[in-house]
Amino acid sequence: MPEPLYVLVQFVLIFLDVISFSMLIRAILSFLGVNEGGLLMRFLYVVTEPAIMPLRKLFYKLNWFQNTPFDMAHLFTYTVLWILQLLISSLI
C-alpha cells in the first residue's frame, strides 16, 4: 500500500476510534445520570450526534424502536462504526 494511502487509512481508523470512544463515554455518563447540560456532555453530544443522527432519523421515519428504553440508534451506530473499523483494518 502506498504511504499516502496508508496514512489516510490510519487517520480514518483513529477518527473512528475517537467517535466510538466518545459514544461509549457518552452512554456510560448518560446511564450514570450525569447532567446533560455540563460541559463534558455537551462536548460529547457535539462529537457524537452527527454520527448518530442519520440512524435516529431513519428509525423515527420507519417508526422503529420508538418505545424502547434504550437509544437503539446509538447502539446501531456504535455497531456500524465497529464494522467499518474491521473492514478498513482488513485493507492494511
PDB file of N, CA and C in Angstrom:
ATOM      1  N   MET A   1       0.848  -1.176   0.000  1.00  0.00           N
ATOM      2  CA  MET A   1       0.000   0.000   0.000  1.00  0.00           C
ATOM      3  C   MET A   1       0.890   1.234   0.000  1.00  0.00           C
ATOM      4  N   PRO A   2       0.610   2.188  -0.890  1.00  0.00           N
ATOM      5  CA  PRO A   2       1.406   3.429  -0.922  1.00  0.00           C
ATOM      6  C   PRO A   2       1.288   4.188   0.397  1.00  0.00           C
ATOM      7  N   GLU A   3       2.360   4.880   0.729  1.00  0.00           N
ATOM      8  CA  GLU A   3       2.412   5.563   2.027  1.00  0.00           C
ATOM      9  C   GLU A   3       1.303   6.594   2.228  1.00  0.00           C
ATOM     10  N   PRO A   4       0.962   7.437   1.247  1.00  0.00           N
ATOM     11  CA  PRO A   4      -0.130   8.402   1.483  1.00  0.00           C
ATOM     12  C   PRO A   4      -1.466   7.714   1.766  1.00  0.00           C
ATOM     13  N   LEU A   5      -1.728   6.616   1.082  1.00  0.00           N
ATOM     14  CA  LEU A   5      -2.959   5.868   1.324  1.00  0.00           C
ATOM     15  C   LEU A   5      -2.935   5.235   2.713  1.00  0.00           C
ATOM     16  N   TYR A   6      -1.783   4.735   3.118  1.00  0.00           N
ATOM     17  CA  TYR A   6      -1.641   4.144   4.450  1.00  0.00           C
ATOM     18  C   TYR A   6      -1.908   5.203   5.533  1.00  0.00           C
ATOM     19  N   VAL A   7      -1.381   6.396   5.334  1.00  0.00           N
ATOM     20  CA  VAL A   7      -1.590   7.484   6.298  1.00  0.00           C
ATOM     21  C   VAL A   7      -3.069   7.844   6.356  1.00  0.00           C
ATOM     22  N   LEU A   8      -3.733   7.898   5.211  1.00  0.00           N
ATOM     23  CA  LEU A   8      -5.157   8.210   5.170  1.00  0.00           C
ATOM     24  C   LEU A   8      -5.973   7.146   5.899  1.00  0.00           C
ATOM     25  N   VAL A   9      -5.654   5.890   5.669  1.00  0.00           N
ATOM     26  CA  VAL A   9      -6.359   4.792   6.334  1.00  0.00           C
ATOM     27  C   VAL A   9      -6.148   4.875   7.845  1.00  0.00           C
ATOM     28  N   GLN A  10      -4.943   5.152   8.266  1.00  0.00           N
ATOM     29  CA  GLN A  10      -4.670   5.281   9.704  1.00  0.00           C
ATOM     30  C   GLN A  10      -5.439   6.459  10.306  1.00  0.00           C
ATOM     31  N   PHE A  11      -5.507   7.565   9.579  1.00  0.00           N
ATOM     32  CA  PHE A  11      -6.254   8.726  10.050  1.00  0.00           C
ATOM     33  C   PHE A  11      -7.736   8.389  10.214  1.00  0.00           C
ATOM     34  N   VAL A  12      -8.304   7.691   9.238  1.00  0.00           N
ATOM     35  CA  VAL A  12      -9.720   7.304   9.314  1.00  0.00           C
ATOM     36  C   VAL A  12      -9.952   6.361  10.489  1.00  0.00           C
ATOM     37  N   LEU A  13      -9.051   5.416  10.705  1.00  0.00           N
ATOM     38  CA  LEU A  13      -9.190   4.496  11.831  1.00  0.00           C
ATOM     39  C   LEU A  13      -9.119   5.230  13.173  1.00  0.00           C
ATOM     40  N   ILE A  14      -8.220   6.181  13.286  1.00  0.00           N
ATOM     41  CA  ILE A  14      -8.121   6.959  14.523  1.00  0.00           C
ATOM     42  C   ILE A  14      -9.392   7.795  14.720  1.00  0.00           C
ATOM     43  N   PHE A  15      -9.892   8.382  13.643  1.00  0.00           N
ATOM     44  CA  PHE A  15     -11.128   9.156  13.717  1.00  0.00           C
ATOM     45  C   PHE A  15     -12.297   8.282  14.187  1.00  0.00           C
ATOM     46  N   LEU A  16     -12.421   7.087  13.632  1.00  0.00           N
ATOM     47  CA  LEU A  16     -13.488   6.174  14.040  1.00  0.00           C
ATOM     48  C   LEU A  16     -13.309   5.733  15.489  1.00  0.00           C
ATOM     49  N   ASP A  17     -12.065   5.553  15.921  1.00  0.00           N
ATOM     50  CA  ASP A  17     -11.799   5.217  17.324  1.00  0.00           C
ATOM     51  C   ASP A  17     -12.257   6.339  18.255  1.00  0.00           C
ATOM     52  N   VAL A  18     -11.969   7.567  17.882  1.00  0.00           N
ATOM     53  CA  VAL A  18     -12.354   8.713  18.715  1.00  0.00           C
ATOM     54  C   VAL A  18     -13.874   8.800  18.814  1.00  0.00           C
ATOM     55  N   ILE A  19     -14.564   8.647  17.703  1.00  0.00           N
ATOM     56  CA  ILE A  19     -16.031   8.699  17.710  1.00  0.00           C
ATOM     57  C   ILE A  19     -16.596   7.558  18.551  1.00  0.00           C
ATOM     58  N   SER A  20     -16.068   6.347  18.370  1.00  0.00           N
ATOM     59  CA  SER A  20     -16.557   5.191  19.131  1.00  0.00           C
ATOM     60  C   SER A  20     -16.313   5.367  20.626  1.00  0.00           C
ATOM     61  N   PHE A  21     -15.124   5.819  20.979  1.00  0.00           N
ATOM     62  CA  PHE A  21     -14.808   6.027  22.390  1.00  0.00           C
ATOM     63  C   PHE A  21     -15.699   7.113  22.984  1.00  0.00           C
ATOM     64  N   SER A  22     -15.936   8.172  22.231  1.00  0.00           N
ATOM     65  CA  SER A  22     -16.812   9.248  22.700  1.00  0.00           C
ATOM     66  C   SER A  22     -18.239   8.740  22.897  1.00  0.00           C
ATOM     67  N   MET A  23     -18.689   7.882  21.994  1.00  0.00           N
ATOM     68  CA  MET A  23     -20.022   7.309  22.140  1.00  0.00           C
ATOM     69  C   MET A  23     -20.116   6.429  23.370  1.00  0.00           C
ATOM     70  N   LEU A  24     -19.074   5.666  23.630  1.00  0.00           N
ATOM     71  CA  LEU A  24     -19.053   4.812  24.809  1.00  0.00           C
ATOM     72  C   LEU A  24     -19.074   5.645  26.094  1.00  0.00           C
ATOM     73  N   ILE A  25     -18.264   6.680  26.154  1.00  0.00           N
ATOM     74  CA  ILE A  25     -18.242   7.567  27.326  1.00  0.00           C
ATOM     75  C   ILE A  25     -19.595   8.247  27.483  1.00  0.00           C
ATOM     76  N   ARG A  26     -20.181   8.696  26.386  1.00  0.00           N
ATOM     77  CA  ARG A  26     -21.499   9.347  26.447  1.00  0.00           C
ATOM     78  C   ARG A  26     -22.546   8.393  27.006  1.00  0.00           C
ATOM     79  N   ALA A  27     -22.543   7.143  26.555  1.00  0.00           N
ATOM     80  CA  ALA A  27     -23.524   6.168  27.036  1.00  0.00           C
ATOM     81  C   ALA A  27     -23.341   5.888  28.521  1.00  0.00           C
ATOM     82  N   ILE A  28     -22.091   5.733  28.956  1.00  0.00           N
ATOM     83  CA  ILE A  28     -21.828   5.446  30.375  1.00  0.00           C
ATOM     84  C   ILE A  28     -22.255   6.620  31.242  1.00  0.00           C
ATOM     85  N   LEU A  29     -21.874   7.831  30.853  1.00  0.00           N
ATOM     86  CA  LEU A  29     -22.235   9.010  31.641  1.00  0.00           C
ATOM     87  C   LEU A  29     -23.743   9.233  31.652  1.00  0.00           C
ATOM     88  N   SER A  30     -24.400   8.968  30.543  1.00  0.00           N
ATOM     89  CA  SER A  30     -25.848   9.101  30.483  1.00  0.00           C
ATOM     90  C   SER A  30     -26.513   8.082  31.402  1.00  0.00           C
ATOM     91  N   PHE A  31     -25.993   6.856  31.401  1.00  0.00           N
ATOM     92  CA  PHE A  31     -26.530   5.802  32.261  1.00  0.00           C
ATOM     93  C   PHE A  31     -26.353   6.163  33.736  1.00  0.00           C
ATOM     94  N   LEU A  32     -25.244   6.804  34.056  1.00  0.00           N
ATOM     95  CA  LEU A  32     -24.976   7.203  35.443  1.00  0.00           C
ATOM     96  C   LEU A  32     -25.748   8.457  35.847  1.00  0.00           C
ATOM     97  N   GLY A  33     -26.419   9.089  34.904  1.00  0.00           N
ATOM     98  CA  GLY A  33     -27.243  10.246  35.213  1.00  0.00           C
ATOM     99  C   GLY A  33     -26.486  11.552  35.300  1.00  0.00           C
ATOM    100  N   VAL A  34     -25.380  11.658  34.602  1.00  0.00           N
ATOM    101  CA  VAL A  34     -24.604  12.896  34.601  1.00  0.00           C
ATOM    102  C   VAL A  34     -25.423  13.986  33.926  1.00  0.00           C
ATOM    103  N   ASN A  35     -25.354  15.197  34.437  1.00  0.00           N
ATOM    104  CA  ASN A  35     -26.113  16.337  33.931  1.00  0.00           C
ATOM    105  C   ASN A  35     -25.809  16.572  32.455  1.00  0.00           C
ATOM    106  N   GLU A  36     -26.847  16.571  31.637  1.00  0.00           N
ATOM    107  CA  GLU A  36     -26.667  16.752  30.192  1.00  0.00           C
ATOM    108  C   GLU A  36     -26.265  18.176  29.831  1.00  0.00           C
ATOM    109  N   GLY A  37     -26.440  19.115  30.748  1.00  0.00           N
ATOM    110  CA  GLY A  37     -26.076  20.492  30.472  1.00  0.00           C
ATOM    111  C   GLY A  37     -24.621  20.790  30.777  1.00  0.00           C
ATOM    112  N   GLY A  38     -23.895  19.801  31.302  1.00  0.00           N
ATOM    113  CA  GLY A  38     -22.498  20.005  31.648  1.00  0.00           C
ATOM    114  C   GLY A  38     -21.618  20.127  30.419  1.00  0.00           C
ATOM    115  N   LEU A  39     -20.454  20.692  30.626  1.00  0.00           N
ATOM    116  CA  LEU A  39     -19.530  20.945  29.520  1.00  0.00           C
ATOM    117  C   LEU A  39     -19.099  19.646  28.833  1.00  0.00           C
ATOM    118  N   LEU A  40     -18.782  18.612  29.607  1.00  0.00           N
ATOM    119  CA  LEU A  40     -18.340  17.339  29.024  1.00  0.00           C
ATOM    120  C   LEU A  40     -19.443  16.709  28.191  1.00  0.00           C
ATOM    121  N   MET A  41     -20.663  16.681  28.726  1.00  0.00           N
ATOM    122  CA  MET A  41     -21.767  16.061  27.989  1.00  0.00           C
ATOM    123  C   MET A  41     -22.104  16.854  26.726  1.00  0.00           C
ATOM    124  N   ARG A  42     -22.042  18.169  26.791  1.00  0.00           N
ATOM    125  CA  ARG A  42     -22.297  18.967  25.584  1.00  0.00           C
ATOM    126  C   ARG A  42     -21.230  18.681  24.529  1.00  0.00           C
ATOM    127  N   PHE A  43     -19.960  18.561  24.972  1.00  0.00           N
ATOM    128  CA  PHE A  43     -18.886  18.232  24.038  1.00  0.00           C
ATOM    129  C   PHE A  43     -19.126  16.863  23.395  1.00  0.00           C
ATOM    130  N   LEU A  44     -19.517  15.882  24.214  1.00  0.00           N
ATOM    131  CA  LEU A  44     -19.762  14.541  23.684  1.00  0.00           C
ATOM    132  C   LEU A  44     -20.941  14.535  22.711  1.00  0.00           C
ATOM    133  N   TYR A  45     -21.967  15.310  22.981  1.00  0.00           N
ATOM    134  CA  TYR A  45     -23.086  15.413  22.049  1.00  0.00           C
ATOM    135  C   TYR A  45     -22.636  16.010  20.723  1.00  0.00           C
ATOM    136  N   VAL A  46     -21.823  17.061  20.781  1.00  0.00           N
ATOM    137  CA  VAL A  46     -21.345  17.712  19.552  1.00  0.00           C
ATOM    138  C   VAL A  46     -20.503  16.742  18.728  1.00  0.00           C
ATOM    139  N   VAL A  47     -19.702  15.932  19.392  1.00  0.00           N
ATOM    140  CA  VAL A  47     -18.813  14.993  18.692  1.00  0.00           C
ATOM    141  C   VAL A  47     -19.578  13.800  18.130  1.00  0.00           C
ATOM    142  N   THR A  48     -20.540  13.274  18.892  1.00  0.00           N
ATOM    143  CA  THR A  48     -21.173  12.010  18.507  1.00  0.00           C
ATOM    144  C   THR A  48     -22.483  12.155  17.746  1.00  0.00           C
ATOM    145  N   GLU A  49     -23.202  13.228  17.962  1.00  0.00           N
ATOM    146  CA  GLU A  49     -24.533  13.346  17.361  1.00  0.00           C
ATOM    147  C   GLU A  49     -24.523  13.331  15.831  1.00  0.00           C
ATOM    148  N   PRO A  50     -23.525  13.913  15.144  1.00  0.00           N
ATOM    149  CA  PRO A  50     -23.525  13.800  13.674  1.00  0.00           C
ATOM    150  C   PRO A  50     -23.438  12.355  13.176  1.00  0.00           C
ATOM    151  N   ALA A  51     -22.855  11.475  13.950  1.00  0.00           N
ATOM    152  CA  ALA A  51     -22.782  10.068  13.546  1.00  0.00           C
ATOM    153  C   ALA A  51     -24.086   9.330  13.853  1.00  0.00           C
ATOM    154  N   ILE A  52     -24.754   9.726  14.933  1.00  0.00           N
ATOM    155  CA  ILE A  52     -25.965   9.023  15.379  1.00  0.00           C
ATOM    156  C   ILE A  52     -27.210   9.514  14.650  1.00  0.00           C
ATOM    157  N   MET A  53     -27.257  10.784  14.316  1.00  0.00           N
ATOM    158  CA  MET A  53     -28.471  11.398  13.786  1.00  0.00           C
ATOM    159  C   MET A  53     -29.038  10.721  12.536  1.00  0.00           C
ATOM    160  N   PRO A  54     -28.242  10.282  11.552  1.00  0.00           N
ATOM    161  CA  PRO A  54     -28.862   9.636  10.381  1.00  0.00           C
ATOM    162  C   PRO A  54     -29.678   8.393  10.735  1.00  0.00           C
ATOM    163  N   LEU A  55     -29.148   7.554  11.617  1.00  0.00           N
ATOM    164  CA  LEU A  55     -29.917   6.370  12.006  1.00  0.00           C
ATOM    165  C   LEU A  55     -31.111   6.744  12.876  1.00  0.00           C
ATOM    166  N   ARG A  56     -30.956   7.753  13.724  1.00  0.00           N
ATOM    167  CA  ARG A  56     -32.079   8.191  14.560  1.00  0.00           C
ATOM    168  C   ARG A  56     -33.228   8.684  13.672  1.00  0.00           C
ATOM    169  N   LYS A  57     -32.901   9.459  12.638  1.00  0.00           N
ATOM    170  CA  LYS A  57     -33.934   9.941  11.714  1.00  0.00           C
ATOM    171  C   LYS A  57     -34.572   8.790  10.943  1.00  0.00           C
ATOM    172  N   LEU A  58     -33.757   7.834  10.519  1.00  0.00           N
ATOM    173  CA  LEU A  58     -34.277   6.672   9.803  1.00  0.00           C
ATOM    174  C   LEU A  58     -35.216   5.862  10.688  1.00  0.00           C
ATOM    175  N   PHE A  59     -34.813   5.596  11.912  1.00  0.00           N
ATOM    176  CA  PHE A  59     -35.653   4.821  12.825  1.00  0.00           C
ATOM    177  C   PHE A  59     -36.951   5.559  13.134  1.00  0.00           C
ATOM    178  N   TYR A  60     -36.880   6.887  13.266  1.00  0.00           N
ATOM    179  CA  TYR A  60     -38.084   7.672  13.519  1.00  0.00           C
ATOM    180  C   TYR A  60     -39.018   7.636  12.308  1.00  0.00           C
ATOM    181  N   LYS A  61     -38.438   7.758  11.126  1.00  0.00           N
ATOM    182  CA  LYS A  61     -39.239   7.765   9.899  1.00  0.00           C
ATOM    183  C   LYS A  61     -39.930   6.416   9.688  1.00  0.00           C
ATOM    184  N   LEU A  62     -39.228   5.331  10.004  1.00  0.00           N
ATOM    185  CA  LEU A  62     -39.791   3.991   9.841  1.00  0.00           C
ATOM    186  C   LEU A  62     -40.580   3.536  11.070  1.00  0.00           C
ATOM    187  N   ASN A  63     -40.604   4.386  12.098  1.00  0.00           N
ATOM    188  CA  ASN A  63     -41.296   4.098  13.355  1.00  0.00           C
ATOM    189  C   ASN A  63     -40.749   2.823  14.028  1.00  0.00           C
ATOM    190  N   TRP A  64     -39.443   2.682  13.987  1.00  0.00           N
ATOM    191  CA  TRP A  64     -38.777   1.552  14.643  1.00  0.00           C
ATOM    192  C   TRP A  64     -38.247   2.002  15.992  1.00  0.00           C
ATOM    193  N   PHE A  65     -38.306   1.115  16.952  1.00  0.00           N
ATOM    194  CA  PHE A  65     -37.689   1.293  18.272  1.00  0.00           C
ATOM    195  C   PHE A  65     -38.162   2.564  18.985  1.00  0.00           C
ATOM    196  N   GLN A  66     -39.401   2.967  18.770  1.00  0.00           N
ATOM    197  CA  GLN A  66     -39.881   4.198  19.388  1.00  0.00           C
ATOM    198  C   GLN A  66     -40.175   4.036  20.871  1.00  0.00           C
ATOM    199  N   ASN A  67     -40.530   2.846  21.307  1.00  0.00           N
ATOM    200  CA  ASN A  67     -40.917   2.625  22.701  1.00  0.00           C
ATOM    201  C   ASN A  67     -39.907   1.779  23.466  1.00  0.00           C
ATOM    202  N   THR A  68     -38.665   1.805  23.057  1.00  0.00           N
ATOM    203  CA  THR A  68     -37.647   1.041  23.767  1.00  0.00           C
ATOM    204  C   THR A  68     -36.956   1.932  24.794  1.00  0.00           C
ATOM    205  N   PRO A  69     -36.522   1.343  25.905  1.00  0.00           N
ATOM    206  CA  PRO A  69     -35.872   2.166  26.939  1.00  0.00           C
ATOM    207  C   PRO A  69     -34.453   2.589  26.577  1.00  0.00           C
ATOM    208  N   PHE A  70     -33.875   1.996  25.547  1.00  0.00           N
ATOM    209  CA  PHE A  70     -32.512   2.327  25.132  1.00  0.00           C
ATOM    210  C   PHE A  70     -32.542   3.096  23.820  1.00  0.00           C
ATOM    211  N   ASP A  71     -31.525   3.879  23.601  1.00  0.00           N
ATOM    212  CA  ASP A  71     -31.385   4.593  22.332  1.00  0.00           C
ATOM    213  C   ASP A  71     -30.793   3.621  21.316  1.00  0.00           C
ATOM    214  N   MET A  72     -31.667   3.005  20.553  1.00  0.00           N
ATOM    215  CA  MET A  72     -31.219   1.979  19.613  1.00  0.00           C
ATOM    216  C   MET A  72     -30.383   2.578  18.480  1.00  0.00           C
ATOM    217  N   ALA A  73     -30.634   3.827  18.125  1.00  0.00           N
ATOM    218  CA  ALA A  73     -29.820   4.475  17.094  1.00  0.00           C
ATOM    219  C   ALA A  73     -28.373   4.570  17.562  1.00  0.00           C
ATOM    220  N   HIS A  74     -28.183   4.844  18.834  1.00  0.00           N
ATOM    221  CA  HIS A  74     -26.841   4.917  19.414  1.00  0.00           C
ATOM    222  C   HIS A  74     -26.169   3.548  19.324  1.00  0.00           C
ATOM    223  N   LEU A  75     -26.885   2.512  19.703  1.00  0.00           N
ATOM    224  CA  LEU A  75     -26.345   1.152  19.668  1.00  0.00           C
ATOM    225  C   LEU A  75     -26.022   0.711  18.240  1.00  0.00           C
ATOM    226  N   PHE A  76     -26.924   0.977  17.309  1.00  0.00           N
ATOM    227  CA  PHE A  76     -26.685   0.578  15.926  1.00  0.00           C
ATOM    228  C   PHE A  76     -25.535   1.369  15.314  1.00  0.00           C
ATOM    229  N   THR A  77     -25.437   2.660  15.635  1.00  0.00           N
ATOM    230  CA  THR A  77     -24.328   3.464  15.123  1.00  0.00           C
ATOM    231  C   THR A  77     -23.001   2.941  15.637  1.00  0.00           C
ATOM    232  N   TYR A  78     -22.954   2.600  16.919  1.00  0.00           N
ATOM    233  CA  TYR A  78     -21.735   2.037  17.502  1.00  0.00           C
ATOM    234  C   TYR A  78     -21.351   0.745  16.775  1.00  0.00           C
ATOM    235  N   THR A  79     -22.344  -0.081  16.476  1.00  0.00           N
ATOM    236  CA  THR A  79     -22.093  -1.343  15.762  1.00  0.00           C
ATOM    237  C   THR A  79     -21.609  -1.084  14.336  1.00  0.00           C
ATOM    238  N   VAL A  80     -22.210  -0.124  13.656  1.00  0.00           N
ATOM    239  CA  VAL A  80     -21.793   0.214  12.284  1.00  0.00           C
ATOM    240  C   VAL A  80     -20.353   0.732  12.279  1.00  0.00           C
ATOM    241  N   LEU A  81     -20.015   1.588  13.246  1.00  0.00           N
ATOM    242  CA  LEU A  81     -18.633   2.087  13.330  1.00  0.00           C
ATOM    243  C   LEU A  81     -17.649   0.950  13.576  1.00  0.00           C
ATOM    244  N   TRP A  82     -18.032   0.018  14.417  1.00  0.00           N
ATOM    245  CA  TRP A  82     -17.171  -1.130  14.704  1.00  0.00           C
ATOM    246  C   TRP A  82     -16.951  -1.973  13.443  1.00  0.00           C
ATOM    247  N   ILE A  83     -18.023  -2.204  12.681  1.00  0.00           N
ATOM    248  CA  ILE A  83     -17.899  -2.978  11.434  1.00  0.00           C
ATOM    249  C   ILE A  83     -17.032  -2.222  10.424  1.00  0.00           C
ATOM    250  N   LEU A  84     -17.218  -0.906  10.325  1.00  0.00           N
ATOM    251  CA  LEU A  84     -16.369  -0.106   9.433  1.00  0.00           C
ATOM    252  C   LEU A  84     -14.895  -0.210   9.809  1.00  0.00           C
ATOM    253  N   GLN A  85     -14.615  -0.161  11.105  1.00  0.00           N
ATOM    254  CA  GLN A  85     -13.232  -0.294  11.553  1.00  0.00           C
ATOM    255  C   GLN A  85     -12.663  -1.647  11.152  1.00  0.00           C
ATOM    256  N   LEU A  86     -13.451  -2.697  11.299  1.00  0.00           N
ATOM    257  CA  LEU A  86     -12.979  -4.026  10.901  1.00  0.00           C
ATOM    258  C   LEU A  86     -12.703  -4.101   9.400  1.00  0.00           C
ATOM    259  N   LEU A  87     -13.611  -3.555   8.607  1.00  0.00           N
ATOM    260  CA  LEU A  87     -13.426  -3.588   7.152  1.00  0.00           C
ATOM    261  C   LEU A  87     -12.212  -2.773   6.721  1.00  0.00           C
ATOM    262  N   ILE A  88     -12.055  -1.587   7.294  1.00  0.00           N
ATOM    263  CA  ILE A  88     -10.913  -0.752   6.923  1.00  0.00           C
ATOM    264  C   ILE A  88      -9.613  -1.366   7.407  1.00  0.00           C
ATOM    265  N   SER A  89      -9.635  -1.967   8.590  1.00  0.00           N
ATOM    266  CA  SER A  89      -8.419  -2.617   9.112  1.00  0.00           C
ATOM    267  C   SER A  89      -8.003  -3.786   8.228  1.00  0.00           C
ATOM    268  N   SER A  90      -8.949  -4.423   7.595  1.00  0.00           N
ATOM    269  CA  SER A  90      -8.607  -5.563   6.737  1.00  0.00           C
ATOM    270  C   SER A  90      -7.889  -5.100   5.466  1.00  0.00           C
ATOM    271  N   LEU A  91      -7.954  -3.804   5.139  1.00  0.00           N
ATOM    272  CA  LEU A  91      -7.259  -3.288   3.957  1.00  0.00           C
ATOM    273  C   LEU A  91      -5.743  -3.217   4.165  1.00  0.00           C
ATOM    274  N   ILE A  92      -5.348  -3.129   5.411  1.00  0.00           N
ATOM    275  CA  ILE A  92      -3.924  -2.950   5.703  1.00  0.00           C
ATOM    276  C   ILE A  92      -3.188  -4.262   5.624  1.00  0.00           C
TER     277      ILE A  92
END
